[in-house]
Amino acid sequence: MVRWCYRLEPTDDGTNLIESFEVIWLSLAGRLAEDFLMRDRDRRREEAMRATLQRIKVTVEVTPKSG
């Protein structure tokens, strides 16, 4: 089981959005898979997290159309 978290932190010129996760429980098979079968998992997870944050940024920074 993994818990994902998004934290908003105000800055002088906007807001930082921080994505994180915590592994709460992982079976022995899951730990073995993480260690041996998914050796590049950390890199792929980081790329996915960056992509998610970028999509959120694009969505919230869209200027509404004036009408």
PDB file of N, CA and C in Angstrom:
ATOM      1  N   MET A   1       0.846  -1.163   0.000  1.00  0.00           N
ATOM      2  CA  MET A   1       0.000   0.000   0.000  1.00  0.00           C
ATOM      3  C   MET A   1       0.900   1.237   0.000  1.00  0.00           C
ATOM      4  N   VAL A   2       0.538   2.164  -0.833  1.00  0.00           N
ATOM      5  CA  VAL A   2       1.296   3.413  -0.964  1.00  0.00           C
ATOM      6  C   VAL A   2       0.332   4.580  -0.789  1.00  0.00           C
ATOM      7  N   ARG A   3       0.763   5.588  -0.058  1.00  0.00           N
ATOM      8  CA  ARG A   3      -0.041   6.798   0.128  1.00  0.00           C
ATOM      9  C   ARG A   3       0.631   7.934  -0.637  1.00  0.00           C
ATOM     10  N   TRP A   4      -0.113   8.526  -1.568  1.00  0.00           N
ATOM     11  CA  TRP A   4       0.381   9.672  -2.332  1.00  0.00           C
ATOM     12  C   TRP A   4      -0.128  10.943  -1.693  1.00  0.00           C
ATOM     13  N   CYS A   5       0.676  11.997  -1.747  1.00  0.00           N
ATOM     14  CA  CYS A   5       0.320  13.257  -1.098  1.00  0.00           C
ATOM     15  C   CYS A   5       0.721  14.424  -2.003  1.00  0.00           C
ATOM     16  N   TYR A   6      -0.129  15.436  -2.027  1.00  0.00           N
ATOM     17  CA  TYR A   6       0.181  16.689  -2.721  1.00  0.00           C
ATOM     18  C   TYR A   6       0.129  17.803  -1.682  1.00  0.00           C
ATOM     19  N   ARG A   7       1.187  18.589  -1.605  1.00  0.00           N
ATOM     20  CA  ARG A   7       1.269  19.675  -0.628  1.00  0.00           C
ATOM     21  C   ARG A   7       1.461  20.993  -1.368  1.00  0.00           C
ATOM     22  N   LEU A   8       0.672  22.002  -1.001  1.00  0.00           N
ATOM     23  CA  LEU A   8       0.778  23.343  -1.574  1.00  0.00           C
ATOM     24  C   LEU A   8       1.528  24.232  -0.593  1.00  0.00           C
ATOM     25  N   GLU A   9       2.546  24.929  -1.098  1.00  0.00           N
ATOM     26  CA  GLU A   9       3.315  25.852  -0.266  1.00  0.00           C
ATOM     27  C   GLU A   9       3.373  27.211  -0.953  1.00  0.00           C
ATOM     28  N   PRO A  10       2.900  28.258  -0.263  1.00  0.00           N
ATOM     29  CA  PRO A  10       2.950  29.591  -0.875  1.00  0.00           C
ATOM     30  C   PRO A  10       4.390  30.080  -1.031  1.00  0.00           C
ATOM     31  N   THR A  11       4.642  30.818  -2.107  1.00  0.00           N
ATOM     32  CA  THR A  11       5.935  31.461  -2.343  1.00  0.00           C
ATOM     33  C   THR A  11       5.677  32.935  -2.624  1.00  0.00           C
ATOM     34  N   ASP A  12       6.735  33.704  -2.739  1.00  0.00           N
ATOM     35  CA  ASP A  12       6.571  35.137  -3.021  1.00  0.00           C
ATOM     36  C   ASP A  12       5.894  35.394  -4.364  1.00  0.00           C
ATOM     37  N   ASP A  13       6.100  34.491  -5.329  1.00  0.00           N
ATOM     38  CA  ASP A  13       5.554  34.718  -6.665  1.00  0.00           C
ATOM     39  C   ASP A  13       4.554  33.654  -7.110  1.00  0.00           C
ATOM     40  N   GLY A  14       3.978  32.919  -6.173  1.00  0.00           N
ATOM     41  CA  GLY A  14       3.000  31.904  -6.544  1.00  0.00           C
ATOM     42  C   GLY A  14       2.886  30.807  -5.507  1.00  0.00           C
ATOM     43  N   THR A  15       2.866  29.583  -5.986  1.00  0.00           N
ATOM     44  CA  THR A  15       2.687  28.424  -5.113  1.00  0.00           C
ATOM     45  C   THR A  15       3.541  27.276  -5.622  1.00  0.00           C
ATOM     46  N   ASN A  16       4.200  26.587  -4.713  1.00  0.00           N
ATOM     47  CA  ASN A  16       4.893  25.346  -5.052  1.00  0.00           C
ATOM     48  C   ASN A  16       3.959  24.191  -4.767  1.00  0.00           C
ATOM     49  N   LEU A  17       3.902  23.237  -5.680  1.00  0.00           N
ATOM     50  CA  LEU A  17       3.132  22.012  -5.493  1.00  0.00           C
ATOM     51  C   LEU A  17       4.138  20.879  -5.356  1.00  0.00           C
ATOM     52  N   ILE A  18       4.074  20.170  -4.244  1.00  0.00           N
ATOM     53  CA  ILE A  18       5.022  19.105  -3.968  1.00  0.00           C
ATOM     54  C   ILE A  18       4.269  17.786  -3.930  1.00  0.00           C
ATOM     55  N   GLU A  19       4.708  16.844  -4.746  1.00  0.00           N
ATOM     56  CA  GLU A  19       4.116  15.517  -4.800  1.00  0.00           C
ATOM     57  C   GLU A  19       5.059  14.559  -4.089  1.00  0.00           C
ATOM     58  N   SER A  20       4.515  13.708  -3.249  1.00  0.00           N
ATOM     59  CA  SER A  20       5.347  12.731  -2.552  1.00  0.00           C
ATOM     60  C   SER A  20       4.543  11.458  -2.337  1.00  0.00           C
ATOM     61  N   PHE A  21       5.235  10.426  -1.919  1.00  0.00           N
ATOM     62  CA  PHE A  21       4.555   9.180  -1.612  1.00  0.00           C
ATOM     63  C   PHE A  21       5.246   8.511  -0.436  1.00  0.00           C
ATOM     64  N   GLU A  22       4.499   7.660   0.240  1.00  0.00           N
ATOM     65  CA  GLU A  22       5.018   6.894   1.362  1.00  0.00           C
ATOM     66  C   GLU A  22       4.565   5.451   1.191  1.00  0.00           C
ATOM     67  N   VAL A  23       5.507   4.527   1.219  1.00  0.00           N
ATOM     68  CA  VAL A  23       5.168   3.110   1.165  1.00  0.00           C
ATOM     69  C   VAL A  23       4.786   2.698   2.587  1.00  0.00           C
ATOM     70  N   ILE A  24       3.538   2.331   2.766  1.00  0.00           N
ATOM     71  CA  ILE A  24       3.045   1.950   4.084  1.00  0.00           C
ATOM     72  C   ILE A  24       3.264   0.465   4.323  1.00  0.00           C
ATOM     73  N   TRP A  25       2.998  -0.333   3.325  1.00  0.00           N
ATOM     74  CA  TRP A  25       3.183  -1.779   3.432  1.00  0.00           C
ATOM     75  C   TRP A  25       3.444  -2.336   2.056  1.00  0.00           C
ATOM     76  N   LEU A  26       4.385  -3.242   1.972  1.00  0.00           N
ATOM     77  CA  LEU A  26       4.713  -3.901   0.712  1.00  0.00           C
ATOM     78  C   LEU A  26       5.015  -5.357   1.016  1.00  0.00           C
ATOM     79  N   SER A  27       4.347  -6.249   0.331  1.00  0.00           N
ATOM     80  CA  SER A  27       4.557  -7.679   0.560  1.00  0.00           C
ATOM     81  C   SER A  27       5.977  -8.066   0.175  1.00  0.00           C
ATOM     82  N   LEU A  28       6.393  -9.250   0.583  1.00  0.00           N
ATOM     83  CA  LEU A  28       7.722  -9.743   0.228  1.00  0.00           C
ATOM     84  C   LEU A  28       7.864  -9.815  -1.292  1.00  0.00           C
ATOM     85  N   ALA A  29       6.843 -10.314  -1.963  1.00  0.00           N
ATOM     86  CA  ALA A  29       6.891 -10.395  -3.434  1.00  0.00           C
ATOM     87  C   ALA A  29       7.018  -8.990  -4.033  1.00  0.00           C
ATOM     88  N   GLY A  30       6.296  -8.027  -3.463  1.00  0.00           N
ATOM     89  CA  GLY A  30       6.389  -6.650  -3.945  1.00  0.00           C
ATOM     90  C   GLY A  30       7.773  -6.071  -3.736  1.00  0.00           C
ATOM     91  N   ARG A  31       8.369  -6.335  -2.591  1.00  0.00           N
ATOM     92  CA  ARG A  31       9.726  -5.837  -2.320  1.00  0.00           C
ATOM     93  C   ARG A  31      10.738  -6.457  -3.273  1.00  0.00           C
ATOM     94  N   LEU A  32      10.599  -7.759  -3.527  1.00  0.00           N
ATOM     95  CA  LEU A  32      11.504  -8.420  -4.471  1.00  0.00           C
ATOM     96  C   LEU A  32      11.330  -7.854  -5.872  1.00  0.00           C
ATOM     97  N   ALA A  33      10.095  -7.617  -6.262  1.00  0.00           N
ATOM     98  CA  ALA A  33       9.842  -7.043  -7.584  1.00  0.00           C
ATOM     99  C   ALA A  33      10.469  -5.658  -7.687  1.00  0.00           C
ATOM    100  N   GLU A  34      10.299  -4.834  -6.648  1.00  0.00           N
ATOM    101  CA  GLU A  34      10.907  -3.491  -6.646  1.00  0.00           C
ATOM    102  C   GLU A  34      12.423  -3.578  -6.753  1.00  0.00           C
ATOM    103  N   ASP A  35      13.027  -4.487  -6.017  1.00  0.00           N
ATOM    104  CA  ASP A  35      14.488  -4.568  -5.957  1.00  0.00           C
ATOM    105  C   ASP A  35      15.120  -5.192  -7.199  1.00  0.00           C
ATOM    106  N   PHE A  36      14.480  -6.197  -7.758  1.00  0.00           N
ATOM    107  CA  PHE A  36      15.128  -6.951  -8.820  1.00  0.00           C
ATOM    108  C   PHE A  36      14.497  -6.789 -10.200  1.00  0.00           C
ATOM    109  N   LEU A  37      13.191  -6.775 -10.264  1.00  0.00           N
ATOM    110  CA  LEU A  37      12.523  -6.741 -11.568  1.00  0.00           C
ATOM    111  C   LEU A  37      12.360  -5.330 -12.108  1.00  0.00           C
ATOM    112  N   MET A  38      12.299  -4.344 -11.220  1.00  0.00           N
ATOM    113  CA  MET A  38      12.056  -2.967 -11.652  1.00  0.00           C
ATOM    114  C   MET A  38      13.224  -2.084 -11.247  1.00  0.00           C
ATOM    115  N   ARG A  39      14.388  -2.413 -11.720  1.00  0.00           N
ATOM    116  CA  ARG A  39      15.596  -1.701 -11.303  1.00  0.00           C
ATOM    117  C   ARG A  39      15.559  -0.212 -11.642  1.00  0.00           C
ATOM    118  N   ASP A  40      14.913   0.154 -12.718  1.00  0.00           N
ATOM    119  CA  ASP A  40      14.849   1.575 -13.088  1.00  0.00           C
ATOM    120  C   ASP A  40      13.550   2.228 -12.612  1.00  0.00           C
ATOM    121  N   ARG A  41      12.902   1.616 -11.641  1.00  0.00           N
ATOM    122  CA  ARG A  41      11.610   2.111 -11.148  1.00  0.00           C
ATOM    123  C   ARG A  41      11.721   3.538 -10.588  1.00  0.00           C
ATOM    124  N   ASP A  42      12.788   3.838  -9.859  1.00  0.00           N
ATOM    125  CA  ASP A  42      12.931   5.175  -9.283  1.00  0.00           C
ATOM    126  C   ASP A  42      12.973   6.241 -10.373  1.00  0.00           C
ATOM    127  N   ARG A  43      13.716   5.980 -11.439  1.00  0.00           N
ATOM    128  CA  ARG A  43      13.815   6.942 -12.537  1.00  0.00           C
ATOM    129  C   ARG A  43      12.450   7.110 -13.215  1.00  0.00           C
ATOM    130  N   ARG A  44      11.783   5.998 -13.480  1.00  0.00           N
ATOM    131  CA  ARG A  44      10.469   6.070 -14.130  1.00  0.00           C
ATOM    132  C   ARG A  44       9.447   6.757 -13.234  1.00  0.00           C
ATOM    133  N   ARG A  45       9.496   6.492 -11.927  1.00  0.00           N
ATOM    134  CA  ARG A  45       8.577   7.129 -10.985  1.00  0.00           C
ATOM    135  C   ARG A  45       8.819   8.638 -10.954  1.00  0.00           C
ATOM    136  N   GLU A  46      10.084   9.048 -10.937  1.00  0.00           N
ATOM    137  CA  GLU A  46      10.397  10.469 -10.932  1.00  0.00           C
ATOM    138  C   GLU A  46       9.911  11.139 -12.214  1.00  0.00           C
ATOM    139  N   GLU A  47      10.111  10.496 -13.357  1.00  0.00           N
ATOM    140  CA  GLU A  47       9.631  11.057 -14.621  1.00  0.00           C
ATOM    141  C   GLU A  47       8.109  11.202 -14.605  1.00  0.00           C
ATOM    142  N   ALA A  48       7.420  10.193 -14.075  1.00  0.00           N
ATOM    143  CA  ALA A  48       5.959  10.236 -14.015  1.00  0.00           C
ATOM    144  C   ALA A  48       5.481  11.336 -13.076  1.00  0.00           C
ATOM    145  N   MET A  49       6.170  11.513 -11.946  1.00  0.00           N
ATOM    146  CA  MET A  49       5.801  12.562 -11.001  1.00  0.00           C
ATOM    147  C   MET A  49       6.001  13.939 -11.629  1.00  0.00           C
ATOM    148  N   ARG A  50       7.113  14.129 -12.345  1.00  0.00           N
ATOM    149  CA  ARG A  50       7.355  15.412 -13.012  1.00  0.00           C
ATOM    150  C   ARG A  50       6.277  15.692 -14.065  1.00  0.00           C
ATOM    151  N   ALA A  51       5.890  14.653 -14.812  1.00  0.00           N
ATOM    152  CA  ALA A  51       4.858  14.819 -15.834  1.00  0.00           C
ATOM    153  C   ALA A  51       3.519  15.193 -15.190  1.00  0.00           C
ATOM    154  N   THR A  52       3.175  14.545 -14.094  1.00  0.00           N
ATOM    155  CA  THR A  52       1.929  14.857 -13.387  1.00  0.00           C
ATOM    156  C   THR A  52       1.934  16.300 -12.906  1.00  0.00           C
ATOM    157  N   LEU A  53       3.032  16.718 -12.288  1.00  0.00           N
ATOM    158  CA  LEU A  53       3.115  18.092 -11.793  1.00  0.00           C
ATOM    159  C   LEU A  53       3.040  19.103 -12.934  1.00  0.00           C
ATOM    160  N   GLN A  54       3.642  18.786 -14.068  1.00  0.00           N
ATOM    161  CA  GLN A  54       3.581  19.687 -15.223  1.00  0.00           C
ATOM    162  C   GLN A  54       2.158  19.805 -15.743  1.00  0.00           C
ATOM    163  N   ARG A  55       1.433  18.685 -15.811  1.00  0.00           N
ATOM    164  CA  ARG A  55       0.035  18.730 -16.266  1.00  0.00           C
ATOM    165  C   ARG A  55      -0.827  19.553 -15.310  1.00  0.00           C
ATOM    166  N   ILE A  56      -0.596  19.395 -14.013  1.00  0.00           N
ATOM    167  CA  ILE A  56      -1.346  20.198 -13.044  1.00  0.00           C
ATOM    168  C   ILE A  56      -1.022  21.674 -13.227  1.00  0.00           C
ATOM    169  N   LYS A  57       0.254  21.989 -13.408  1.00  0.00           N
ATOM    170  CA  LYS A  57       0.687  23.388 -13.597  1.00  0.00           C
ATOM    171  C   LYS A  57      -0.005  24.005 -14.810  1.00  0.00           C
ATOM    172  N   VAL A  58      -0.004  23.293 -15.923  1.00  0.00           N
ATOM    173  CA  VAL A  58      -0.630  23.807 -17.149  1.00  0.00           C
ATOM    174  C   VAL A  58      -2.123  24.040 -16.917  1.00  0.00           C
ATOM    175  N   THR A  59      -2.761  23.131 -16.199  1.00  0.00           N
ATOM    176  CA  THR A  59      -4.203  23.252 -15.953  1.00  0.00           C
ATOM    177  C   THR A  59      -4.541  24.448 -15.076  1.00  0.00           C
ATOM    178  N   VAL A  60      -3.781  24.654 -14.009  1.00  0.00           N
ATOM    179  CA  VAL A  60      -4.137  25.734 -13.080  1.00  0.00           C
ATOM    180  C   VAL A  60      -3.659  27.098 -13.543  1.00  0.00           C
ATOM    181  N   GLU A  61      -2.704  27.148 -14.469  1.00  0.00           N
ATOM    182  CA  GLU A  61      -2.194  28.427 -14.938  1.00  0.00           C
ATOM    183  C   GLU A  61      -2.879  28.925 -16.196  1.00  0.00           C
ATOM    184  N   VAL A  62      -3.876  28.221 -16.660  1.00  0.00           N
ATOM    185  CA  VAL A  62      -4.611  28.656 -17.853  1.00  0.00           C
ATOM    186  C   VAL A  62      -5.369  29.930 -17.508  1.00  0.00           C
ATOM    187  N   THR A  63      -5.212  30.939 -18.347  1.00  0.00           N
ATOM    188  CA  THR A  63      -5.924  32.200 -18.147  1.00  0.00           C
ATOM    189  C   THR A  63      -7.341  32.047 -18.672  1.00  0.00           C
ATOM    190  N   PRO A  64      -8.334  32.330 -17.838  1.00  0.00           N
ATOM    191  CA  PRO A  64      -9.723  32.204 -18.300  1.00  0.00           C
ATOM    192  C   PRO A  64     -10.005  33.187 -19.437  1.00  0.00           C
ATOM    193  N   LYS A  65     -10.824  32.735 -20.374  1.00  0.00           N
ATOM    194  CA  LYS A  65     -11.215  33.608 -21.491  1.00  0.00           C
ATOM    195  C   LYS A  65     -12.155  34.683 -20.976  1.00  0.00           C
ATOM    196  N   SER A  66     -11.892  35.913 -21.385  1.00  0.00           N
ATOM    197  CA  SER A  66     -12.798  37.001 -20.995  1.00  0.00           C
ATOM    198  C   SER A  66     -13.968  37.008 -21.963  1.00  0.00           C
ATOM    199  N   GLY A  67     -15.115  37.308 -21.468  1.00  0.00           N
ATOM    200  CA  GLY A  67     -16.227  37.218 -22.360  1.00  0.00           C
ATOM    201  C   GLY A  67     -17.262  38.169 -22.061  1.00  0.00           C
TER     202      GLY A  67
END
